[in-house]
Protein backbone atom coordinates (compact mmCIF):
# COMPACT_ATOMS: atom_id res chain seq x y z
CA MET A 1 -5.70 9.57 -1.21
CA ASP A 2 -5.01 6.85 0.23
CA TYR A 3 -5.82 3.04 -0.47
CA THR A 4 -9.12 3.13 1.91
CA ALA A 5 -10.57 6.23 0.07
CA ALA A 6 -9.51 5.18 -3.25
CA ILE A 7 -11.79 1.79 -2.80
CA LYS A 8 -14.50 3.87 -1.39
CA LYS A 9 -14.14 5.94 -4.39
CA ILE A 10 -14.43 3.21 -7.03
CA THR A 11 -16.91 0.97 -5.12
CA ALA A 12 -19.24 4.37 -5.02
CA ASN A 13 -18.63 5.08 -8.36
CA ARG A 14 -19.59 1.51 -9.44
CA ARG A 15 -22.91 2.41 -7.00
CA ARG A 16 -23.97 5.34 -8.89
CA GLU A 17 -23.39 3.39 -12.54
CA ALA A 18 -25.84 0.85 -11.32
CA ASP A 19 -28.61 3.07 -9.55
CA ALA A 20 -28.44 4.63 -12.55
CA ALA A 21 -28.76 1.85 -14.93
CA GLU A 22 -31.75 0.75 -12.53
CA ALA A 23 -33.55 4.15 -12.50
CA LEU A 24 -33.54 4.14 -16.53
CA LYS A 25 -34.68 0.48 -16.52
CA GLN A 26 -37.89 1.62 -14.56
CA LYS A 27 -38.28 4.75 -16.32
CA LEU A 28 -38.42 2.36 -19.79
CA ILE A 29 -40.63 -0.15 -17.67
CA ASP A 30 -43.14 2.69 -16.96
CA THR A 31 -43.35 4.71 -20.34
CA ASP A 32 -42.46 1.57 -22.50
CA ALA A 33 -45.07 -1.21 -23.06
CA ARG A 34 -42.75 -3.52 -25.35
CA PHE A 35 -40.06 -2.92 -22.83
CA TYR A 36 -42.44 -3.82 -20.02
CA GLU A 37 -43.06 -7.07 -21.74
CA ASN A 38 -39.64 -8.08 -22.77
CA GLU A 39 -38.79 -7.21 -19.35
CA ARG A 40 -41.27 -9.38 -17.63
CA ALA A 41 -40.32 -12.24 -20.38
CA LEU A 42 -36.55 -11.98 -19.47
CA ARG A 43 -37.22 -12.47 -15.77
CA LEU A 44 -39.15 -15.25 -16.47
CA ALA A 45 -36.67 -16.94 -18.45
CA GLY A 46 -34.32 -16.07 -15.23
CA LEU A 47 -36.73 -18.05 -12.89
CA LYS A 48 -36.75 -20.81 -14.91
CA GLU A 49 -33.03 -21.38 -15.22
CA LEU A 50 -33.00 -21.31 -11.83
CA ARG A 51 -34.85 -24.37 -11.32
CA GLY A 52 -32.80 -26.06 -13.58
CA GLU A 53 -34.68 -25.61 -17.00
CA LYS A 54 -33.13 -24.80 -20.70
CA VAL A 55 -34.38 -21.28 -21.32
CA ASP A 56 -33.13 -19.91 -25.28
CA THR A 57 -33.11 -16.38 -24.65
CA LYS A 58 -31.56 -15.35 -27.50
CA LYS A 59 -34.63 -13.93 -29.08
CA LEU A 60 -35.68 -11.79 -26.21
CA LEU A 61 -32.42 -10.48 -26.30
CA ALA A 62 -32.20 -9.06 -29.72
CA GLU A 63 -35.89 -7.88 -28.95
CA ARG A 64 -34.71 -6.06 -26.32
CA LYS A 65 -31.38 -4.60 -28.02
CA GLU A 66 -34.25 -3.35 -30.66
CA ILE A 67 -35.90 -1.68 -28.23
CA LEU A 68 -33.16 -0.03 -26.56
CA LYS A 69 -32.16 1.13 -30.08
CA ALA A 70 -34.91 2.79 -30.49
CA HIS A 71 -34.39 4.72 -27.38
CA GLY A 72 -30.96 5.49 -28.40
CA LEU A 73 -29.67 3.08 -25.94
CA SER A 74 -27.68 0.47 -26.24
CA PRO A 75 -27.27 -2.85 -23.67
CA ILE A 76 -24.61 -1.52 -21.60
CA SER A 77 -26.87 1.68 -20.84
CA LEU A 78 -28.90 -1.31 -18.60
CA ASP A 79 -25.89 -3.38 -17.69
CA PRO A 80 -22.69 -1.29 -17.24
CA PRO A 81 -19.67 -2.90 -17.11
CA PRO A 82 -17.07 -2.72 -14.18
CA SER A 83 -14.22 0.02 -14.94
CA CYS A 84 -11.92 -2.69 -13.49
CA LYS A 85 -12.85 -6.49 -15.21
CA ALA A 86 -9.77 -7.76 -12.35
CA CYS A 87 -11.49 -7.04 -9.45
CA ASN A 88 -15.14 -5.89 -10.83
CA ASP A 89 -15.12 -2.43 -9.10
CA THR A 90 -14.52 -3.71 -5.50
CA GLY A 91 -10.97 -2.86 -5.01
CA TYR A 92 -9.69 -6.70 -4.35
CA VAL A 93 -8.74 -9.71 -6.01
CA GLY A 94 -8.03 -13.17 -4.32
CA GLY A 95 -8.22 -10.90 -1.12
CA LYS A 96 -5.17 -8.73 -2.62
CA LEU A 97 -5.62 -5.32 -3.49
CA CYS A 98 -6.29 -4.53 -6.97
CA ARG A 99 -3.66 -2.81 -9.20
CA CYS A 100 -6.45 -0.19 -10.07
CA VAL A 101 -6.58 1.00 -6.49
CA ILE A 102 -3.11 1.84 -6.52
CA LYS A 103 -3.57 3.71 -9.51
CA LYS A 104 -6.60 5.70 -8.23
CA SER A 105 -4.17 6.46 -5.61
CA LEU A 106 -1.75 7.47 -8.06
CA GLU A 107 -3.46 10.00 -9.81
CA SER A 108 -5.10 11.40 -6.97
CA GLU A 109 -1.28 11.92 -6.29
CA GLN A 110 -0.69 13.64 -9.82
CA GLY A 111 -3.34 15.80 -9.71
CA SER A 112 -2.80 17.14 -5.91
CA ALA A 113 -0.30 19.67 -4.50
CA LYS A 114 1.81 16.86 -3.25
CA GLY A 115 2.11 15.42 -6.75
CA LYS A 116 3.71 18.53 -8.49
CA PHE A 117 6.85 17.25 -8.77
CA ALA A 118 5.57 14.49 -10.73
CA LEU A 119 6.27 13.67 -14.54
CA SER A 120 3.96 13.17 -17.27
CA PRO A 121 4.36 9.81 -19.55
CA ARG A 122 5.65 9.78 -22.75
CA TYR A 123 5.70 6.78 -25.18
CA PHE A 124 8.71 5.07 -27.42
CA SER A 125 7.06 6.43 -30.61
CA ASP A 126 7.96 9.74 -29.28
CA MET A 127 11.91 9.00 -28.87
CA ASP A 128 13.92 9.79 -31.77
CA PRO A 129 17.10 9.02 -32.28
CA SER A 130 18.01 10.81 -35.34
CA VAL A 131 17.96 13.93 -32.92
CA TYR A 132 21.48 12.69 -32.02
CA SER A 133 24.60 13.45 -33.50
CA LEU A 134 25.46 10.41 -36.11
CA LYS A 135 28.44 9.23 -33.83
CA SER A 136 25.80 8.72 -31.14
CA ARG A 137 22.44 7.80 -33.06
CA PRO A 138 23.39 3.87 -33.48
CA ARG A 139 24.15 3.77 -29.41
CA THR A 140 20.77 5.19 -28.83
CA GLU A 141 18.80 3.13 -31.37
CA ASN A 142 20.31 0.44 -29.56
CA ILE A 143 19.21 1.67 -26.53
CA LYS A 144 15.38 2.51 -27.53
CA SER A 145 15.45 -1.43 -28.91
CA LYS A 146 16.67 -2.60 -25.49
CA LEU A 147 13.90 -0.46 -23.54
CA GLU A 148 11.20 -2.24 -26.12
CA LYS A 149 12.32 -5.27 -24.83
CA TYR A 150 12.49 -4.79 -21.56
CA VAL A 151 8.43 -3.28 -21.54
CA ALA A 152 7.76 -6.37 -23.96
CA GLY A 153 8.79 -8.84 -21.15
CA PHE A 154 7.17 -6.31 -18.32
CA PRO A 155 6.94 -7.46 -15.42
CA GLU A 156 8.50 -11.05 -15.64
CA VAL A 157 11.49 -9.55 -17.56
CA GLY A 158 14.33 -10.67 -14.84
CA VAL A 159 16.01 -6.97 -15.00
CA LYS A 160 13.87 -4.92 -12.00
CA ASN A 161 16.67 -2.20 -11.78
CA LEU A 162 17.09 0.08 -14.66
CA ILE A 163 19.55 3.25 -14.11
CA PHE A 164 20.14 5.90 -16.94
CA THR A 165 23.27 7.74 -16.39
CA GLY A 166 24.89 10.60 -18.43
CA HIS A 167 25.28 14.18 -18.52
CA ALA A 168 22.34 16.52 -18.20
CA GLY A 169 20.57 16.94 -21.62
CA SER A 170 21.20 13.55 -22.66
CA GLY A 171 17.67 12.55 -22.83
CA LYS A 172 17.73 9.94 -19.83
CA THR A 173 14.49 11.71 -18.88
CA PHE A 174 13.18 11.47 -21.81
CA ALA A 175 13.57 7.95 -21.98
CA ALA A 176 12.13 7.17 -18.32
CA THR A 177 9.16 8.53 -19.03
CA ALA A 178 8.51 6.57 -22.29
CA VAL A 179 9.34 3.44 -20.27
CA ALA A 180 6.65 4.51 -17.80
CA GLY A 181 4.08 5.74 -20.39
CA GLU A 182 4.65 2.72 -22.04
CA VAL A 183 4.15 0.14 -19.22
CA MET A 184 1.04 1.88 -17.81
CA GLN A 185 -0.01 1.40 -21.62
CA LYS A 186 -0.10 -2.54 -20.74
CA GLY A 187 -2.36 -1.77 -17.70
CA TYR A 188 0.44 -1.17 -14.84
CA THR A 189 0.66 1.34 -12.65
CA ALA A 190 3.70 3.53 -12.90
CA ALA A 191 4.74 6.54 -10.31
CA ILE A 192 7.14 9.04 -12.16
CA MET A 193 8.89 11.36 -9.80
CA THR A 194 11.89 13.92 -9.59
CA ALA A 195 14.16 13.24 -6.55
CA PHE A 196 13.44 16.10 -5.30
CA GLY A 197 9.41 15.50 -5.72
CA PHE A 198 10.22 11.86 -4.32
CA VAL A 199 12.15 13.52 -1.03
CA GLU A 200 9.06 16.07 -0.32
CA ASN A 201 6.94 13.01 -0.61
CA MET A 202 9.23 11.18 2.31
CA ARG A 203 9.59 14.03 4.27
CA ALA A 204 5.33 13.98 4.25
CA TYR A 205 5.09 10.43 5.42
CA HIS A 206 7.49 11.08 8.00
CA THR A 207 5.98 14.15 9.56
CA THR A 208 2.41 13.02 9.02
CA PHE A 209 0.42 11.50 11.67
CA ASP A 210 -3.16 11.41 10.70
CA ASP A 211 -5.19 9.09 8.32
CA SER A 212 -3.34 10.24 5.29
CA LYS A 213 0.01 9.09 6.04
CA GLU A 214 -0.01 6.06 4.34
CA SER A 215 -0.96 7.74 1.00
CA TYR A 216 2.78 9.48 0.89
CA LEU A 217 4.07 5.58 1.16
CA SER A 218 2.19 3.30 0.27
CA PRO A 219 1.60 3.90 -3.80
CA VAL A 220 5.21 4.56 -4.31
CA LEU A 221 5.59 0.85 -2.53
CA ASP A 222 3.17 -0.52 -4.21
CA CYS A 223 3.53 0.54 -7.76
CA ASP A 224 4.39 -2.08 -10.67
CA LEU A 225 7.35 0.72 -11.96
CA LEU A 226 8.71 3.44 -9.92
CA VAL A 227 10.69 6.54 -12.00
CA ILE A 228 13.05 8.96 -9.88
CA ASP A 229 14.50 11.04 -11.75
CA ASP A 230 17.58 12.90 -11.52
CA LEU A 231 18.82 11.16 -8.48
CA GLY A 232 21.54 13.08 -6.75
CA THR A 233 20.01 16.61 -7.20
CA GLU A 234 17.97 16.37 -4.24
CA SER A 235 18.14 17.72 -0.60
CA ILE A 236 19.76 15.56 2.12
CA LEU A 237 17.61 15.60 4.66
CA LYS A 238 18.53 14.00 8.39
CA ASN A 239 16.80 10.74 8.82
CA ILE A 240 14.72 10.74 5.89
CA THR A 241 16.74 10.93 2.21
CA LEU A 242 18.95 8.40 2.76
CA GLU A 243 16.48 6.32 5.33
CA TYR A 244 13.65 6.06 2.81
CA LEU A 245 15.58 6.17 -0.24
CA TYR A 246 17.12 2.66 1.02
CA LEU A 247 13.91 1.85 2.49
CA VAL A 248 11.76 2.03 -1.07
CA LEU A 249 14.83 0.02 -2.41
CA ASN A 250 14.79 -2.38 -0.69
CA GLU A 251 11.26 -2.93 -0.15
CA ARG A 252 11.08 -3.04 -3.82
CA MET A 253 13.63 -5.39 -4.34
CA ILE A 254 12.30 -8.19 -1.69
CA SER A 255 8.91 -7.66 -3.52
CA GLY A 256 10.07 -8.41 -7.08
CA LYS A 257 8.77 -4.87 -7.94
CA HIS A 258 10.42 -2.47 -11.00
CA THR A 259 12.67 0.93 -10.45
CA LEU A 260 14.18 2.93 -12.78
CA VAL A 261 16.44 5.96 -11.66
CA THR A 262 18.50 8.58 -13.73
CA THR A 263 21.30 10.42 -12.69
CA ASN A 264 24.15 12.58 -13.64
CA LEU A 265 26.21 10.89 -11.01
CA THR A 266 28.90 7.61 -11.46
CA PRO A 267 28.15 4.29 -9.46
CA ASN A 268 30.86 5.61 -7.05
CA ASP A 269 29.53 9.07 -6.93
CA LEU A 270 25.95 7.10 -5.74
CA ALA A 271 27.88 4.94 -3.48
CA SER A 272 29.65 8.13 -1.63
CA ARG A 273 26.48 10.03 -1.51
CA TYR A 274 23.73 7.47 -0.46
CA GLY A 275 26.16 4.82 0.87
CA GLU A 276 27.30 1.51 0.04
CA ARG A 277 24.00 -0.11 1.23
CA THR A 278 21.71 1.85 -1.47
CA ALA A 279 23.69 1.66 -3.96
CA SER A 280 24.32 -2.27 -3.79
CA ARG A 281 20.32 -1.92 -3.80
CA LEU A 282 20.71 0.01 -7.17
CA PHE A 283 23.67 -2.08 -8.77
CA ASP A 284 22.65 -5.37 -8.13
CA LYS A 285 24.55 -7.37 -10.87
CA ARG A 286 21.67 -10.35 -10.68
CA VAL A 287 18.68 -7.91 -11.21
CA ALA A 288 19.92 -4.53 -12.40
CA TYR A 289 21.19 -3.01 -15.61
CA ALA A 290 22.83 0.13 -16.06
CA VAL A 291 21.88 1.97 -19.60
CA PRO A 292 25.11 4.77 -20.11
CA PHE A 293 23.29 7.22 -22.54
CA PRO A 294 25.76 9.65 -24.88
CA ASP A 295 27.95 12.60 -23.58
CA GLU A 296 26.12 14.99 -25.64
CA ASP A 297 23.14 17.15 -24.85
CA LEU A 298 20.27 16.42 -26.52
CA ARG A 299 18.72 20.16 -26.44
CA ASP A 300 21.96 21.08 -28.48
CA ALA A 301 20.99 18.56 -30.78
CA ILE A 302 17.56 19.29 -31.35
CA LYS A 303 18.88 22.59 -32.27
CA ARG A 304 21.41 21.45 -34.60
CA LYS A 305 18.23 19.12 -36.15
């Protein structure tokens, strides 16, 4: 879903809620004499306030609450709050796109065929260092502690790029999705996808020429945290894989966005596969932090446990 469609969906939902609340209010006015008198008194009080008069509506509001309670309703039934307090369901904050729009777009991608390579978020409570061997346990506990600090400081934390390295099954993906889940718990947006899914998204963007084109690229650029899992396992498509990986990493770095990559490749392997420019964006010492995971298969460790 592109941003225009996401905004339309958010504002349409807001209008539906407002219309439903207004219809409910009118029904109460028509069927409950006490509510009618209360509504009339509140409207008169509102007019007086507009004229600059001081009005105390506490008793009227308390009465309104009692009336609604008798109908099995609450005050928010007649005044539903916006789903997004930041933009009041307008889609914009200070003239800029609200985070809720990006989130809605990402949620649409997750549920569509285009999002079939997306990964589900986990949480730090799901991470259990004890599944590792005694030798590796202190290291994994230290990794978890550092990731908790990273999320606690998100998004102001100076580290913008996290690169999880290690053999297959070492727990990189699990940790990456846990970071994403915790970031989302804080109210920020995160796109979590496999490297293959990322390339498929970029291929779709590259070969699409209708109004849906931007829905493939914009959320990847604009989300607060982008997670690309298993970089190095995807196909190298001409004019797509290398070019768009660099584009996305570079644009996110310029805008100060956070990117987390997991890979089985070494820094030298990454530079050979994607080029020095891309590797330099990933491992820029000013903003990047590499996290090597223990060289043991987590699946074997779980079996041992």
